[in-house]
Amino acid sequence: MSTFEYENPWTPAHQAVESSDHATLTRLLDEGADVNEVCCEMTLLTHAIELEGDSALQSGQPIDSALTAIVLAYGADPVATVEGHRSPYELAQFYDHGMATRLLDRFTTGMGK
């Protein structure tokens, strides 16, 4: 038996994003989890965009925007950026994640970028 134990660095909401567990993410946010929390130097929104983009890149499957849509629907700040890291728009552009860019545009109308 190993004495090494892996400690999960993610909060429950970030773990739901990391696992692409839409139902758990929605439940957690509906129960009051902070949609703008920062964990491991990512907001939930940037984590969602990064996961969707990277998953599509690695798998060769079409990109999905369900996680991005969920966190935006629950009020994620579409322009929040962790200092020294890419903004949601920059991540969406980096991954050529057009659906995320269009969702961000819808949620920033009148806010500026």
N, C-alpha and C. Protein backbone atom coordinates (compact mmCIF):
# COMPACT_ATOMS: atom_id res chain seq x y z
N MET A 1 0.84 -1.18 0.00
CA MET A 1 0.00 0.00 0.00
C MET A 1 0.89 1.25 0.00
N SER A 2 0.58 2.19 -0.84
CA SER A 2 1.39 3.39 -0.99
C SER A 2 0.99 4.44 0.05
N THR A 3 1.99 5.19 0.50
CA THR A 3 1.71 6.29 1.43
C THR A 3 1.37 7.56 0.66
N PHE A 4 1.54 7.52 -0.68
CA PHE A 4 1.22 8.67 -1.50
C PHE A 4 -0.29 8.77 -1.67
N GLU A 5 -0.83 9.94 -1.36
CA GLU A 5 -2.24 10.18 -1.59
C GLU A 5 -2.35 11.46 -2.40
N TYR A 6 -3.13 11.37 -3.45
CA TYR A 6 -3.35 12.53 -4.32
C TYR A 6 -4.37 13.44 -3.67
N GLU A 7 -4.02 14.70 -3.52
CA GLU A 7 -4.95 15.68 -2.99
C GLU A 7 -5.51 16.49 -4.15
N ASN A 8 -6.82 16.43 -4.31
CA ASN A 8 -7.49 17.13 -5.39
C ASN A 8 -7.42 18.64 -5.12
N PRO A 9 -6.85 19.41 -6.05
CA PRO A 9 -6.72 20.86 -5.82
C PRO A 9 -8.00 21.64 -6.11
N TRP A 10 -8.98 21.01 -6.74
CA TRP A 10 -10.16 21.72 -7.20
C TRP A 10 -11.23 21.89 -6.13
N THR A 11 -11.92 23.03 -6.18
CA THR A 11 -13.14 23.20 -5.40
C THR A 11 -14.21 22.30 -6.04
N PRO A 12 -15.32 22.05 -5.36
CA PRO A 12 -16.35 21.21 -5.99
C PRO A 12 -16.83 21.73 -7.35
N ALA A 13 -17.03 23.03 -7.49
CA ALA A 13 -17.49 23.56 -8.78
C ALA A 13 -16.42 23.41 -9.85
N HIS A 14 -15.17 23.66 -9.50
CA HIS A 14 -14.10 23.49 -10.49
C HIS A 14 -13.92 22.02 -10.83
N GLN A 15 -14.12 21.13 -9.87
CA GLN A 15 -14.04 19.69 -10.17
C GLN A 15 -15.14 19.29 -11.14
N ALA A 16 -16.33 19.86 -10.98
CA ALA A 16 -17.42 19.57 -11.91
C ALA A 16 -17.06 20.02 -13.32
N VAL A 17 -16.42 21.20 -13.44
CA VAL A 17 -15.96 21.66 -14.75
C VAL A 17 -14.91 20.70 -15.28
N GLU A 18 -13.93 20.37 -14.46
CA GLU A 18 -12.83 19.50 -14.88
C GLU A 18 -13.35 18.14 -15.35
N SER A 19 -14.43 17.68 -14.75
CA SER A 19 -15.02 16.37 -15.10
C SER A 19 -16.09 16.49 -16.18
N SER A 20 -16.34 17.70 -16.65
CA SER A 20 -17.44 17.95 -17.60
C SER A 20 -18.75 17.41 -17.07
N ASP A 21 -18.96 17.58 -15.78
CA ASP A 21 -20.17 17.09 -15.11
C ASP A 21 -21.18 18.24 -15.05
N HIS A 22 -21.93 18.39 -16.14
CA HIS A 22 -22.87 19.50 -16.28
C HIS A 22 -23.93 19.51 -15.19
N ALA A 23 -24.45 18.33 -14.85
CA ALA A 23 -25.52 18.25 -13.84
C ALA A 23 -25.01 18.71 -12.47
N THR A 24 -23.84 18.24 -12.07
CA THR A 24 -23.30 18.64 -10.77
C THR A 24 -22.95 20.12 -10.76
N LEU A 25 -22.36 20.61 -11.84
CA LEU A 25 -22.03 22.04 -11.91
C LEU A 25 -23.28 22.88 -11.76
N THR A 26 -24.33 22.52 -12.49
CA THR A 26 -25.58 23.27 -12.42
C THR A 26 -26.16 23.23 -11.01
N ARG A 27 -26.15 22.05 -10.40
CA ARG A 27 -26.68 21.91 -9.03
C ARG A 27 -25.89 22.76 -8.05
N LEU A 28 -24.57 22.71 -8.13
CA LEU A 28 -23.72 23.49 -7.21
C LEU A 28 -23.98 24.99 -7.37
N LEU A 29 -24.05 25.45 -8.60
CA LEU A 29 -24.30 26.87 -8.83
C LEU A 29 -25.69 27.26 -8.38
N ASP A 30 -26.65 26.40 -8.60
CA ASP A 30 -28.01 26.68 -8.18
C ASP A 30 -28.13 26.72 -6.65
N GLU A 31 -27.28 25.96 -5.98
CA GLU A 31 -27.27 25.94 -4.51
C GLU A 31 -26.43 27.07 -3.92
N GLY A 32 -25.84 27.90 -4.77
CA GLY A 32 -25.14 29.08 -4.27
C GLY A 32 -23.63 29.08 -4.36
N ALA A 33 -23.03 28.10 -5.05
CA ALA A 33 -21.58 28.15 -5.23
C ALA A 33 -21.22 29.45 -5.96
N ASP A 34 -20.08 30.02 -5.64
CA ASP A 34 -19.64 31.29 -6.23
C ASP A 34 -19.23 31.08 -7.67
N VAL A 35 -20.02 31.59 -8.60
CA VAL A 35 -19.77 31.40 -10.02
C VAL A 35 -18.49 32.13 -10.47
N ASN A 36 -18.01 33.07 -9.67
CA ASN A 36 -16.79 33.80 -10.01
C ASN A 36 -15.58 33.39 -9.18
N GLU A 37 -15.69 32.25 -8.49
CA GLU A 37 -14.56 31.82 -7.67
C GLU A 37 -13.33 31.56 -8.52
N VAL A 38 -12.18 31.73 -7.90
CA VAL A 38 -10.90 31.46 -8.55
C VAL A 38 -10.25 30.29 -7.83
N CYS A 39 -9.83 29.32 -8.61
CA CYS A 39 -9.15 28.15 -8.08
C CYS A 39 -8.04 27.79 -9.06
N CYS A 40 -6.86 27.53 -8.54
CA CYS A 40 -5.71 27.17 -9.40
C CYS A 40 -5.50 28.21 -10.49
N GLU A 41 -5.69 29.48 -10.11
CA GLU A 41 -5.46 30.63 -10.97
C GLU A 41 -6.38 30.69 -12.19
N MET A 42 -7.61 30.12 -12.04
CA MET A 42 -8.61 30.19 -13.10
C MET A 42 -9.97 30.51 -12.49
N THR A 43 -10.74 31.34 -13.18
CA THR A 43 -12.14 31.50 -12.82
C THR A 43 -12.87 30.27 -13.36
N LEU A 44 -14.10 30.05 -12.91
CA LEU A 44 -14.88 28.94 -13.48
C LEU A 44 -15.05 29.13 -14.98
N LEU A 45 -15.26 30.37 -15.41
CA LEU A 45 -15.45 30.63 -16.83
C LEU A 45 -14.20 30.32 -17.64
N THR A 46 -13.04 30.79 -17.20
CA THR A 46 -11.82 30.49 -17.96
C THR A 46 -11.51 29.00 -17.91
N HIS A 47 -11.82 28.35 -16.79
CA HIS A 47 -11.62 26.91 -16.69
C HIS A 47 -12.51 26.19 -17.70
N ALA A 48 -13.77 26.61 -17.79
CA ALA A 48 -14.71 25.99 -18.74
C ALA A 48 -14.22 26.15 -20.17
N ILE A 49 -13.82 27.36 -20.54
CA ILE A 49 -13.36 27.61 -21.91
C ILE A 49 -12.09 26.82 -22.20
N GLU A 50 -11.17 26.80 -21.25
CA GLU A 50 -9.92 26.06 -21.43
C GLU A 50 -10.19 24.57 -21.57
N LEU A 51 -11.05 24.03 -20.72
CA LEU A 51 -11.35 22.60 -20.78
C LEU A 51 -12.01 22.23 -22.11
N GLU A 52 -13.00 23.02 -22.52
CA GLU A 52 -13.68 22.74 -23.79
C GLU A 52 -12.71 22.80 -24.96
N GLY A 53 -11.88 23.84 -24.98
CA GLY A 53 -10.93 24.00 -26.07
C GLY A 53 -9.89 22.91 -26.09
N ASP A 54 -9.30 22.63 -24.94
CA ASP A 54 -8.25 21.62 -24.86
C ASP A 54 -8.80 20.22 -25.14
N SER A 55 -10.00 19.93 -24.65
CA SER A 55 -10.61 18.61 -24.90
C SER A 55 -10.83 18.39 -26.39
N ALA A 56 -11.34 19.39 -27.08
CA ALA A 56 -11.56 19.27 -28.51
C ALA A 56 -10.24 19.12 -29.25
N LEU A 57 -9.25 19.88 -28.85
CA LEU A 57 -7.93 19.82 -29.47
C LEU A 57 -7.32 18.43 -29.32
N GLN A 58 -7.39 17.88 -28.11
CA GLN A 58 -6.78 16.58 -27.85
C GLN A 58 -7.55 15.42 -28.47
N SER A 59 -8.88 15.52 -28.49
CA SER A 59 -9.70 14.41 -28.98
C SER A 59 -9.98 14.46 -30.47
N GLY A 60 -9.87 15.64 -31.05
CA GLY A 60 -10.23 15.80 -32.45
C GLY A 60 -11.74 15.89 -32.66
N GLN A 61 -12.49 15.90 -31.58
CA GLN A 61 -13.95 16.00 -31.64
C GLN A 61 -14.35 17.47 -31.76
N PRO A 62 -15.57 17.73 -32.23
CA PRO A 62 -16.04 19.12 -32.31
C PRO A 62 -16.07 19.76 -30.92
N ILE A 63 -15.82 21.04 -30.89
CA ILE A 63 -15.80 21.78 -29.63
C ILE A 63 -17.22 21.91 -29.08
N ASP A 64 -17.35 21.92 -27.78
CA ASP A 64 -18.63 22.01 -27.08
C ASP A 64 -18.61 23.29 -26.25
N SER A 65 -19.77 23.87 -26.01
CA SER A 65 -19.81 25.10 -25.22
C SER A 65 -20.75 25.00 -24.02
N ALA A 66 -21.15 23.80 -23.63
CA ALA A 66 -22.13 23.63 -22.55
C ALA A 66 -21.63 24.19 -21.22
N LEU A 67 -20.39 23.93 -20.85
CA LEU A 67 -19.86 24.42 -19.58
C LEU A 67 -19.81 25.95 -19.57
N THR A 68 -19.35 26.52 -20.67
CA THR A 68 -19.30 27.97 -20.79
C THR A 68 -20.70 28.56 -20.64
N ALA A 69 -21.66 27.96 -21.32
CA ALA A 69 -23.04 28.46 -21.26
C ALA A 69 -23.60 28.37 -19.85
N ILE A 70 -23.30 27.29 -19.15
CA ILE A 70 -23.82 27.12 -17.78
C ILE A 70 -23.27 28.21 -16.86
N VAL A 71 -21.96 28.41 -16.87
CA VAL A 71 -21.40 29.39 -15.93
C VAL A 71 -21.83 30.82 -16.29
N LEU A 72 -21.95 31.11 -17.56
CA LEU A 72 -22.46 32.43 -17.94
C LEU A 72 -23.92 32.59 -17.53
N ALA A 73 -24.72 31.56 -17.71
CA ALA A 73 -26.14 31.64 -17.33
C ALA A 73 -26.31 31.88 -15.84
N TYR A 74 -25.36 31.39 -15.05
CA TYR A 74 -25.43 31.59 -13.60
C TYR A 74 -24.73 32.87 -13.15
N GLY A 75 -24.33 33.71 -14.10
CA GLY A 75 -23.84 35.03 -13.75
C GLY A 75 -22.35 35.23 -13.71
N ALA A 76 -21.57 34.33 -14.30
CA ALA A 76 -20.12 34.52 -14.34
C ALA A 76 -19.79 35.85 -15.02
N ASP A 77 -18.82 36.55 -14.47
CA ASP A 77 -18.37 37.81 -15.05
C ASP A 77 -17.59 37.49 -16.33
N PRO A 78 -18.11 37.86 -17.49
CA PRO A 78 -17.47 37.49 -18.76
C PRO A 78 -16.16 38.21 -19.05
N VAL A 79 -15.82 39.20 -18.25
CA VAL A 79 -14.57 39.93 -18.48
C VAL A 79 -13.57 39.77 -17.33
N ALA A 80 -13.94 38.98 -16.32
CA ALA A 80 -13.03 38.79 -15.17
C ALA A 80 -11.78 38.04 -15.62
N THR A 81 -10.64 38.55 -15.19
CA THR A 81 -9.36 37.96 -15.54
C THR A 81 -8.50 37.84 -14.30
N VAL A 82 -7.84 36.72 -14.16
CA VAL A 82 -6.87 36.55 -13.08
C VAL A 82 -5.56 37.18 -13.56
N GLU A 83 -4.99 38.04 -12.73
CA GLU A 83 -3.78 38.77 -13.11
C GLU A 83 -2.70 37.81 -13.63
N GLY A 84 -2.16 38.17 -14.79
CA GLY A 84 -1.10 37.39 -15.39
C GLY A 84 -1.58 36.22 -16.24
N HIS A 85 -2.89 36.10 -16.41
CA HIS A 85 -3.45 34.99 -17.18
C HIS A 85 -4.37 35.53 -18.28
N ARG A 86 -4.67 34.68 -19.23
CA ARG A 86 -5.52 35.07 -20.34
C ARG A 86 -6.94 35.37 -19.88
N SER A 87 -7.57 36.32 -20.55
CA SER A 87 -8.97 36.64 -20.31
C SER A 87 -9.83 35.56 -20.97
N PRO A 88 -11.12 35.51 -20.62
CA PRO A 88 -12.00 34.56 -21.31
C PRO A 88 -11.95 34.72 -22.83
N TYR A 89 -11.96 35.96 -23.32
CA TYR A 89 -11.89 36.20 -24.77
C TYR A 89 -10.58 35.68 -25.35
N GLU A 90 -9.49 35.96 -24.68
CA GLU A 90 -8.19 35.50 -25.18
C GLU A 90 -8.12 33.98 -25.24
N LEU A 91 -8.64 33.32 -24.22
CA LEU A 91 -8.66 31.84 -24.23
C LEU A 91 -9.52 31.32 -25.36
N ALA A 92 -10.70 31.91 -25.53
CA ALA A 92 -11.59 31.48 -26.61
C ALA A 92 -10.91 31.65 -27.96
N GLN A 93 -10.21 32.74 -28.15
CA GLN A 93 -9.49 32.97 -29.41
C GLN A 93 -8.33 31.99 -29.56
N PHE A 94 -7.60 31.73 -28.48
CA PHE A 94 -6.48 30.81 -28.52
C PHE A 94 -6.93 29.42 -28.99
N TYR A 95 -8.08 28.97 -28.49
CA TYR A 95 -8.59 27.65 -28.86
C TYR A 95 -9.51 27.68 -30.08
N ASP A 96 -9.63 28.83 -30.73
CA ASP A 96 -10.54 29.00 -31.87
C ASP A 96 -11.94 28.51 -31.49
N HIS A 97 -12.36 28.91 -30.29
CA HIS A 97 -13.64 28.49 -29.69
C HIS A 97 -14.70 29.54 -30.02
N GLY A 98 -15.17 29.49 -31.28
CA GLY A 98 -16.12 30.48 -31.75
C GLY A 98 -17.40 30.53 -30.95
N MET A 99 -17.90 29.36 -30.50
CA MET A 99 -19.14 29.36 -29.71
C MET A 99 -18.94 30.12 -28.40
N ALA A 100 -17.81 29.94 -27.74
CA ALA A 100 -17.54 30.66 -26.49
C ALA A 100 -17.44 32.16 -26.77
N THR A 101 -16.79 32.52 -27.86
CA THR A 101 -16.67 33.93 -28.21
C THR A 101 -18.05 34.54 -28.42
N ARG A 102 -18.91 33.85 -29.14
CA ARG A 102 -20.26 34.38 -29.37
C ARG A 102 -21.06 34.46 -28.08
N LEU A 103 -20.92 33.47 -27.19
CA LEU A 103 -21.59 33.54 -25.89
C LEU A 103 -21.06 34.72 -25.08
N LEU A 104 -19.75 34.91 -25.06
CA LEU A 104 -19.17 36.04 -24.34
C LEU A 104 -19.69 37.36 -24.90
N ASP A 105 -19.80 37.44 -26.22
CA ASP A 105 -20.34 38.66 -26.84
C ASP A 105 -21.77 38.93 -26.34
N ARG A 106 -22.58 37.90 -26.27
CA ARG A 106 -23.97 38.07 -25.81
C ARG A 106 -24.02 38.55 -24.36
N PHE A 107 -23.11 38.05 -23.53
CA PHE A 107 -23.14 38.40 -22.11
C PHE A 107 -22.38 39.67 -21.79
N THR A 108 -21.67 40.24 -22.76
CA THR A 108 -20.95 41.49 -22.50
C THR A 108 -21.60 42.67 -23.18
N THR A 109 -22.69 42.47 -23.87
CA THR A 109 -23.39 43.56 -24.54
C THR A 109 -23.63 44.69 -23.54
N GLY A 110 -23.12 45.85 -23.87
CA GLY A 110 -23.28 47.00 -22.98
C GLY A 110 -22.23 47.09 -21.88
N MET A 111 -21.41 46.03 -21.70
CA MET A 111 -20.39 46.06 -20.65
C MET A 111 -19.04 46.48 -21.19
N GLY A 112 -18.81 46.30 -22.46
CA GLY A 112 -17.48 46.54 -23.02
C GLY A 112 -16.62 45.31 -22.78
N LYS A 113 -15.51 45.22 -23.47
CA LYS A 113 -14.63 44.05 -23.34
C LYS A 113 -13.37 44.42 -22.62
